[in-house]
Amino acid sequence: MESRVGAGTTISIYLPRVEESGEKAATRKEIGHLPGGSETILYVEDESTVRSLTAHVLRRLGYTVLEAGDGRQAR
């Protein structure tokens, strides 16, 4: 995570490489448990559709989500 005053915060997420094809992965029936929480998350995303969907998923996992469309709304 990198954070600079006046420039915001950048969080990098590194996902493992998957060796199987998308078709094979899509047919797998085993679905892992998604961890939930009770924390409050300030979620800032300028694309309203992405923001709405992500906030919905986070709420279903038990989080309280504060949504903002940009940095000014997040203050």
N, C-alpha and C. Protein backbone atom coordinates (compact mmCIF):
# COMPACT_ATOMS: atom_id res chain seq x y z
N MET A 1 0.85 -1.17 0.00
CA MET A 1 0.00 0.00 0.00
C MET A 1 0.89 1.23 0.00
N GLU A 2 0.53 2.19 -0.79
CA GLU A 2 1.27 3.44 -0.85
C GLU A 2 0.28 4.59 -0.68
N SER A 3 0.58 5.52 0.20
CA SER A 3 -0.31 6.63 0.45
C SER A 3 0.51 7.92 0.51
N ARG A 4 0.03 8.94 -0.22
CA ARG A 4 0.70 10.25 -0.21
C ARG A 4 -0.35 11.34 -0.03
N VAL A 5 -0.05 12.29 0.82
CA VAL A 5 -0.96 13.41 1.05
C VAL A 5 -1.19 14.14 -0.26
N GLY A 6 -2.44 14.37 -0.58
CA GLY A 6 -2.80 15.09 -1.80
C GLY A 6 -2.84 14.22 -3.05
N ALA A 7 -2.32 13.00 -2.96
CA ALA A 7 -2.30 12.12 -4.13
C ALA A 7 -3.17 10.88 -3.93
N GLY A 8 -3.55 10.58 -2.69
CA GLY A 8 -4.39 9.42 -2.43
C GLY A 8 -3.60 8.18 -2.07
N THR A 9 -4.29 7.06 -2.08
CA THR A 9 -3.70 5.79 -1.70
C THR A 9 -3.83 4.80 -2.84
N THR A 10 -2.78 4.04 -3.08
CA THR A 10 -2.79 2.98 -4.09
C THR A 10 -2.58 1.66 -3.37
N ILE A 11 -3.49 0.74 -3.61
CA ILE A 11 -3.38 -0.60 -3.04
C ILE A 11 -3.21 -1.58 -4.19
N SER A 12 -2.16 -2.38 -4.14
CA SER A 12 -1.91 -3.37 -5.18
C SER A 12 -2.30 -4.74 -4.65
N ILE A 13 -3.03 -5.49 -5.47
CA ILE A 13 -3.45 -6.84 -5.11
C ILE A 13 -2.84 -7.78 -6.13
N TYR A 14 -2.11 -8.76 -5.66
CA TYR A 14 -1.47 -9.73 -6.54
C TYR A 14 -2.21 -11.06 -6.42
N LEU A 15 -2.74 -11.55 -7.54
CA LEU A 15 -3.48 -12.80 -7.56
C LEU A 15 -2.60 -13.91 -8.13
N PRO A 16 -2.78 -15.14 -7.65
CA PRO A 16 -1.96 -16.23 -8.17
C PRO A 16 -2.35 -16.58 -9.61
N ARG A 17 -1.38 -17.06 -10.35
CA ARG A 17 -1.62 -17.49 -11.72
C ARG A 17 -2.41 -18.79 -11.69
N VAL A 18 -3.39 -18.93 -12.59
CA VAL A 18 -4.19 -20.14 -12.68
C VAL A 18 -3.79 -20.86 -13.95
N GLU A 19 -3.47 -22.14 -13.81
CA GLU A 19 -2.99 -22.92 -14.95
C GLU A 19 -4.11 -23.55 -15.77
N GLU A 20 -5.33 -23.66 -15.22
CA GLU A 20 -6.40 -24.31 -15.96
C GLU A 20 -7.15 -23.31 -16.82
N SER A 21 -7.81 -23.80 -17.86
CA SER A 21 -8.54 -22.93 -18.77
C SER A 21 -9.77 -22.36 -18.09
N GLY A 22 -10.29 -21.27 -18.62
CA GLY A 22 -11.49 -20.66 -18.07
C GLY A 22 -12.68 -21.59 -18.10
N GLU A 23 -12.78 -22.41 -19.15
CA GLU A 23 -13.90 -23.34 -19.27
C GLU A 23 -13.85 -24.38 -18.15
N LYS A 24 -12.68 -24.93 -17.91
CA LYS A 24 -12.53 -25.93 -16.85
C LYS A 24 -12.81 -25.32 -15.48
N ALA A 25 -12.31 -24.11 -15.27
CA ALA A 25 -12.54 -23.43 -13.99
C ALA A 25 -14.01 -23.13 -13.79
N ALA A 26 -14.73 -22.79 -14.85
CA ALA A 26 -16.14 -22.44 -14.76
C ALA A 26 -17.01 -23.64 -14.40
N THR A 27 -16.57 -24.85 -14.75
CA THR A 27 -17.37 -26.03 -14.47
C THR A 27 -17.11 -26.60 -13.08
N ARG A 28 -16.12 -26.10 -12.39
CA ARG A 28 -15.81 -26.58 -11.05
C ARG A 28 -16.96 -26.21 -10.12
N LYS A 29 -17.42 -27.16 -9.32
CA LYS A 29 -18.56 -26.92 -8.44
C LYS A 29 -18.14 -26.46 -7.05
N GLU A 30 -16.89 -26.68 -6.71
CA GLU A 30 -16.42 -26.32 -5.38
C GLU A 30 -16.22 -24.81 -5.30
N ILE A 31 -16.90 -24.18 -4.37
CA ILE A 31 -16.77 -22.74 -4.18
C ILE A 31 -16.28 -22.51 -2.76
N GLY A 32 -15.19 -21.78 -2.65
CA GLY A 32 -14.63 -21.52 -1.33
C GLY A 32 -15.48 -20.55 -0.54
N HIS A 33 -15.31 -20.59 0.76
CA HIS A 33 -16.03 -19.69 1.66
C HIS A 33 -15.40 -18.30 1.59
N LEU A 34 -16.22 -17.28 1.41
CA LEU A 34 -15.72 -15.91 1.42
C LEU A 34 -15.74 -15.39 2.84
N PRO A 35 -14.61 -14.92 3.33
CA PRO A 35 -14.60 -14.40 4.69
C PRO A 35 -15.38 -13.10 4.78
N GLY A 36 -16.02 -12.88 5.87
CA GLY A 36 -16.76 -11.66 6.09
C GLY A 36 -16.16 -10.88 7.24
N GLY A 37 -16.80 -9.81 7.57
CA GLY A 37 -16.31 -9.01 8.68
C GLY A 37 -17.39 -8.08 9.18
N SER A 38 -17.05 -7.30 10.17
CA SER A 38 -18.01 -6.35 10.73
C SER A 38 -17.46 -4.93 10.68
N GLU A 39 -16.33 -4.76 10.02
CA GLU A 39 -15.70 -3.44 9.94
C GLU A 39 -16.49 -2.51 9.01
N THR A 40 -16.16 -1.23 9.10
CA THR A 40 -16.72 -0.23 8.19
C THR A 40 -15.68 0.09 7.14
N ILE A 41 -16.11 0.09 5.88
CA ILE A 41 -15.22 0.33 4.74
C ILE A 41 -15.68 1.59 4.02
N LEU A 42 -14.75 2.50 3.77
CA LEU A 42 -15.01 3.64 2.91
C LEU A 42 -14.59 3.23 1.51
N TYR A 43 -15.55 3.08 0.61
CA TYR A 43 -15.29 2.59 -0.73
C TYR A 43 -15.48 3.73 -1.73
N VAL A 44 -14.41 4.11 -2.40
CA VAL A 44 -14.45 5.21 -3.36
C VAL A 44 -14.23 4.65 -4.76
N GLU A 45 -15.20 4.87 -5.63
CA GLU A 45 -15.13 4.39 -7.02
C GLU A 45 -15.95 5.34 -7.87
N ASP A 46 -15.36 5.83 -8.96
CA ASP A 46 -16.09 6.80 -9.78
C ASP A 46 -17.09 6.17 -10.73
N GLU A 47 -16.97 4.89 -11.02
CA GLU A 47 -17.92 4.20 -11.88
C GLU A 47 -19.08 3.68 -11.03
N SER A 48 -20.26 4.27 -11.19
CA SER A 48 -21.37 3.97 -10.29
C SER A 48 -21.80 2.51 -10.32
N THR A 49 -21.77 1.87 -11.47
CA THR A 49 -22.17 0.46 -11.55
C THR A 49 -21.21 -0.43 -10.78
N VAL A 50 -19.92 -0.19 -10.95
CA VAL A 50 -18.90 -0.97 -10.22
C VAL A 50 -19.03 -0.71 -8.73
N ARG A 51 -19.21 0.56 -8.36
CA ARG A 51 -19.33 0.93 -6.95
C ARG A 51 -20.55 0.25 -6.31
N SER A 52 -21.67 0.27 -6.99
CA SER A 52 -22.90 -0.33 -6.47
C SER A 52 -22.77 -1.83 -6.29
N LEU A 53 -22.22 -2.52 -7.28
CA LEU A 53 -22.07 -3.97 -7.20
C LEU A 53 -21.10 -4.36 -6.09
N THR A 54 -19.96 -3.70 -6.04
CA THR A 54 -18.97 -4.02 -5.02
C THR A 54 -19.50 -3.76 -3.62
N ALA A 55 -20.18 -2.63 -3.44
CA ALA A 55 -20.75 -2.30 -2.14
C ALA A 55 -21.79 -3.34 -1.73
N HIS A 56 -22.58 -3.79 -2.68
CA HIS A 56 -23.60 -4.82 -2.41
C HIS A 56 -22.94 -6.10 -1.91
N VAL A 57 -21.90 -6.55 -2.59
CA VAL A 57 -21.19 -7.78 -2.19
C VAL A 57 -20.59 -7.62 -0.80
N LEU A 58 -19.94 -6.48 -0.56
CA LEU A 58 -19.34 -6.24 0.76
C LEU A 58 -20.39 -6.24 1.87
N ARG A 59 -21.54 -5.64 1.61
CA ARG A 59 -22.61 -5.63 2.61
C ARG A 59 -23.12 -7.03 2.89
N ARG A 60 -23.24 -7.84 1.85
CA ARG A 60 -23.69 -9.24 2.03
C ARG A 60 -22.69 -10.03 2.88
N LEU A 61 -21.43 -9.61 2.87
CA LEU A 61 -20.40 -10.27 3.66
C LEU A 61 -20.33 -9.72 5.09
N GLY A 62 -21.22 -8.77 5.41
CA GLY A 62 -21.31 -8.28 6.78
C GLY A 62 -20.67 -6.93 7.04
N TYR A 63 -20.04 -6.34 6.04
CA TYR A 63 -19.38 -5.06 6.24
C TYR A 63 -20.37 -3.91 6.16
N THR A 64 -20.08 -2.83 6.86
CA THR A 64 -20.79 -1.57 6.68
C THR A 64 -20.01 -0.80 5.63
N VAL A 65 -20.69 -0.36 4.57
CA VAL A 65 -20.00 0.28 3.45
C VAL A 65 -20.47 1.72 3.30
N LEU A 66 -19.51 2.64 3.33
CA LEU A 66 -19.76 4.04 3.04
C LEU A 66 -19.28 4.26 1.61
N GLU A 67 -20.17 4.68 0.73
CA GLU A 67 -19.82 4.84 -0.68
C GLU A 67 -19.56 6.30 -1.03
N ALA A 68 -18.59 6.50 -1.92
CA ALA A 68 -18.30 7.83 -2.44
C ALA A 68 -17.89 7.68 -3.90
N GLY A 69 -18.31 8.66 -4.71
CA GLY A 69 -18.02 8.64 -6.14
C GLY A 69 -16.69 9.27 -6.49
N ASP A 70 -16.10 10.02 -5.55
CA ASP A 70 -14.80 10.63 -5.78
C ASP A 70 -14.20 11.05 -4.44
N GLY A 71 -13.01 11.58 -4.48
CA GLY A 71 -12.32 11.98 -3.26
C GLY A 71 -13.03 13.05 -2.47
N ARG A 72 -13.67 13.97 -3.16
CA ARG A 72 -14.39 15.04 -2.45
C ARG A 72 -15.56 14.50 -1.66
N GLN A 73 -16.29 13.56 -2.26
CA GLN A 73 -17.42 12.95 -1.55
C GLN A 73 -16.94 12.11 -0.38
N ALA A 74 -15.73 11.60 -0.47
CA ALA A 74 -15.20 10.72 0.58
C ALA A 74 -14.74 11.49 1.81
N ARG A 75 -14.55 12.79 1.71
CA ARG A 75 -14.05 13.56 2.85
C ARG A 75 -15.03 13.63 3.98
